[in-house]
Protein backbone atom coordinates (compact mmCIF):
# COMPACT_ATOMS: atom_id res chain seq x y z
CA MET A 1 0.00 0.00 0.00
CA LYS A 2 2.86 2.38 0.81
CA LYS A 3 4.38 1.68 -2.59
CA ILE A 4 1.11 2.53 -4.32
CA LEU A 5 0.78 5.75 -2.34
CA PHE A 6 4.40 6.66 -3.17
CA ILE A 7 3.77 6.05 -6.86
CA LEU A 8 0.59 8.07 -6.71
CA SER A 9 2.42 10.92 -4.99
CA LEU A 10 4.94 10.99 -7.81
CA LEU A 11 2.08 10.94 -10.24
CA LEU A 12 0.48 13.94 -8.60
CA ILE A 13 3.71 15.90 -8.57
CA THR A 14 4.35 15.31 -12.23
CA SER A 15 0.76 15.62 -13.37
CA THR A 16 1.09 19.39 -13.68
CA ILE A 17 3.62 18.85 -16.45
CA ILE A 18 1.24 16.71 -18.37
CA PHE A 19 -1.75 18.98 -17.71
CA ALA A 20 0.04 21.74 -19.61
CA GLN A 21 0.00 19.71 -22.81
CA ASN A 22 -2.71 20.07 -25.44
CA ASP A 23 -4.44 17.09 -27.09
CA GLU A 24 -1.70 16.75 -29.72
CA GLY A 25 0.87 16.87 -26.94
CA ASP A 26 -1.13 14.23 -25.07
CA ASP A 27 -0.95 11.94 -28.08
CA ARG A 28 2.79 12.46 -28.43
CA ILE A 29 3.34 11.81 -24.72
CA ARG A 30 1.11 8.74 -24.86
CA ASP A 31 2.99 7.32 -27.84
CA LYS A 32 6.40 8.02 -26.31
CA MET A 33 5.28 6.49 -23.00
CA ARG A 34 3.93 3.41 -24.79
CA GLU A 35 7.21 2.99 -26.71
CA TYR A 36 9.21 3.50 -23.52
CA ILE A 37 7.22 0.85 -21.66
CA GLN A 38 7.34 -1.63 -24.53
CA LEU A 39 11.10 -1.26 -24.86
CA ARG A 40 11.76 -1.54 -21.12
CA MET A 41 9.56 -4.60 -20.86
CA ARG A 42 11.01 -6.16 -24.01
CA LEU A 43 7.60 -7.04 -25.40
CA THR A 44 7.49 -9.36 -28.37
CA ARG A 45 5.86 -8.08 -31.54
CA GLY A 46 2.69 -10.04 -30.76
CA GLU A 47 2.58 -8.75 -27.18
CA ALA A 48 3.15 -5.19 -28.38
CA GLU A 49 0.33 -5.45 -30.91
CA ARG A 50 -2.08 -6.65 -28.24
CA PHE A 51 -0.70 -4.26 -25.60
CA THR A 52 -1.01 -1.05 -27.64
CA PRO A 53 -4.81 -0.67 -27.84
CA VAL A 54 -5.23 -1.56 -24.17
CA PHE A 55 -2.51 0.90 -23.15
CA VAL A 56 -4.05 3.67 -25.30
CA ARG A 57 -7.40 3.16 -23.55
CA TYR A 58 -5.67 3.10 -20.16
CA PHE A 59 -3.69 6.26 -20.90
CA ASN A 60 -6.78 8.15 -22.09
CA GLU A 61 -8.76 7.14 -19.00
CA TRP A 62 -5.78 7.99 -16.79
CA ARG A 63 -5.49 11.47 -18.34
CA ASN A 64 -9.23 12.08 -17.95
CA THR A 65 -9.04 10.92 -14.33
CA LEU A 66 -6.22 13.39 -13.68
CA LYS A 67 -8.14 16.23 -15.28
CA GLU A 68 -11.46 15.46 -13.59
CA ASN A 69 -10.08 14.99 -10.09
CA ARG A 70 -7.22 17.47 -9.88
CA THR A 71 -8.85 19.50 -7.12
CA ASP A 72 -9.17 16.61 -4.66
CA ARG A 73 -5.91 14.70 -4.27
CA LEU A 74 -7.34 11.92 -2.13
CA ILE A 75 -10.13 11.17 -4.58
CA LEU A 76 -7.59 11.37 -7.42
CA GLN A 77 -5.40 8.79 -5.71
CA GLN A 78 -8.37 6.50 -5.19
CA LYS A 79 -9.52 6.83 -8.81
CA VAL A 80 -6.02 6.15 -10.16
CA VAL A 81 -5.66 3.06 -7.96
CA GLU A 82 -9.06 1.79 -9.14
CA LEU A 83 -8.07 2.43 -12.75
CA ARG A 84 -4.76 0.62 -12.36
CA LEU A 85 -6.40 -2.35 -10.67
CA ARG A 86 -8.90 -2.62 -13.50
CA TYR A 87 -6.27 -2.38 -16.24
CA ARG A 88 -3.81 -4.64 -14.45
CA GLY A 89 -6.18 -7.49 -15.22
CA GLU A 90 -6.24 -6.60 -18.91
CA PHE A 91 -2.45 -6.25 -19.03
CA LYS A 92 -2.14 -9.59 -17.20
CA GLU A 93 -3.96 -11.38 -20.02
CA ILE A 94 -1.40 -10.04 -22.51
CA ILE A 95 1.92 -10.05 -20.63
CA GLY A 96 1.38 -12.12 -17.50
CA ASP A 97 0.84 -11.43 -13.82
CA ARG A 98 4.30 -10.18 -12.78
CA ARG A 99 4.85 -8.00 -15.83
CA SER A 100 1.38 -6.44 -15.59
CA ASN A 101 2.50 -4.57 -12.47
CA GLU A 102 5.68 -3.40 -14.20
CA VAL A 103 3.63 -1.32 -16.64
CA PHE A 104 2.83 1.15 -13.87
CA GLU A 105 6.39 1.21 -12.56
CA HIS A 106 7.68 2.05 -16.04
CA GLN A 107 4.97 4.66 -16.41
CA GLU A 108 6.20 6.38 -13.25
CA ARG A 109 9.81 6.24 -14.42
CA PHE A 110 8.80 7.77 -17.73
CA ILE A 111 6.95 10.59 -15.97
CA LYS A 112 9.95 11.21 -13.71
CA GLU A 113 12.30 11.36 -16.70
CA LEU A 114 9.89 13.68 -18.50
CA LYS A 115 9.78 15.94 -15.47
CA ASN A 116 13.59 15.99 -15.24
CA LEU A 117 13.90 16.77 -18.95
CA ARG A 118 11.42 19.61 -18.66
CA GLN A 119 13.27 21.00 -15.64
CA GLU A 120 16.58 20.88 -17.53
CA ARG A 121 15.04 22.75 -20.46
CA ILE A 122 13.68 25.42 -18.15
CA GLN A 123 17.06 25.81 -16.48
CA ASN A 124 18.83 25.98 -19.84
CA ARG A 125 16.47 28.73 -21.01
CA GLN A 126 16.93 30.69 -17.81
CA GLY A 127 20.69 30.15 -17.62
CA PRO A 128 21.81 32.66 -20.29
CA ARG A 129 19.30 35.25 -19.08
CA ASN A 130 20.68 35.11 -15.56
CA ARG A 131 24.22 35.53 -16.85
CA ILE A 132 23.25 38.51 -18.98
CA ARG A 133 21.55 40.21 -16.05
CA SER A 134 24.58 39.72 -13.87
CA LEU A 135 26.97 41.36 -16.33
CA PRO A 136 28.24 44.75 -15.21
CA GLY A 137 26.57 47.46 -17.09
């Protein structure tokens, strides 16, 4: 239970990054996340073909859950856990019991890496400005 709450906390922290994206950005993030998960899990071609439509449905429901429940963190956590439990069963049919849980772990890693990348880009954009301001004038 603590692990699930920790994962959900990370999800909540990084959700603001994903909220800023438009629908096209959502699709790009979804596709990159799907590719990331498939590569990390080393899915076979057959597994990947069966996994993709289920993951797309999961991702879309996950995004809607984040959007609809962003004002109440506790309800958001509950809804995300319910969503993951429901989809874990579908993933289990495709990739097995143990690996079905890994989907969510890889999702969290992807979100963390996305957050870090975004932070680096922000710092890189602000870096030269700060140096220019600090030059003697």
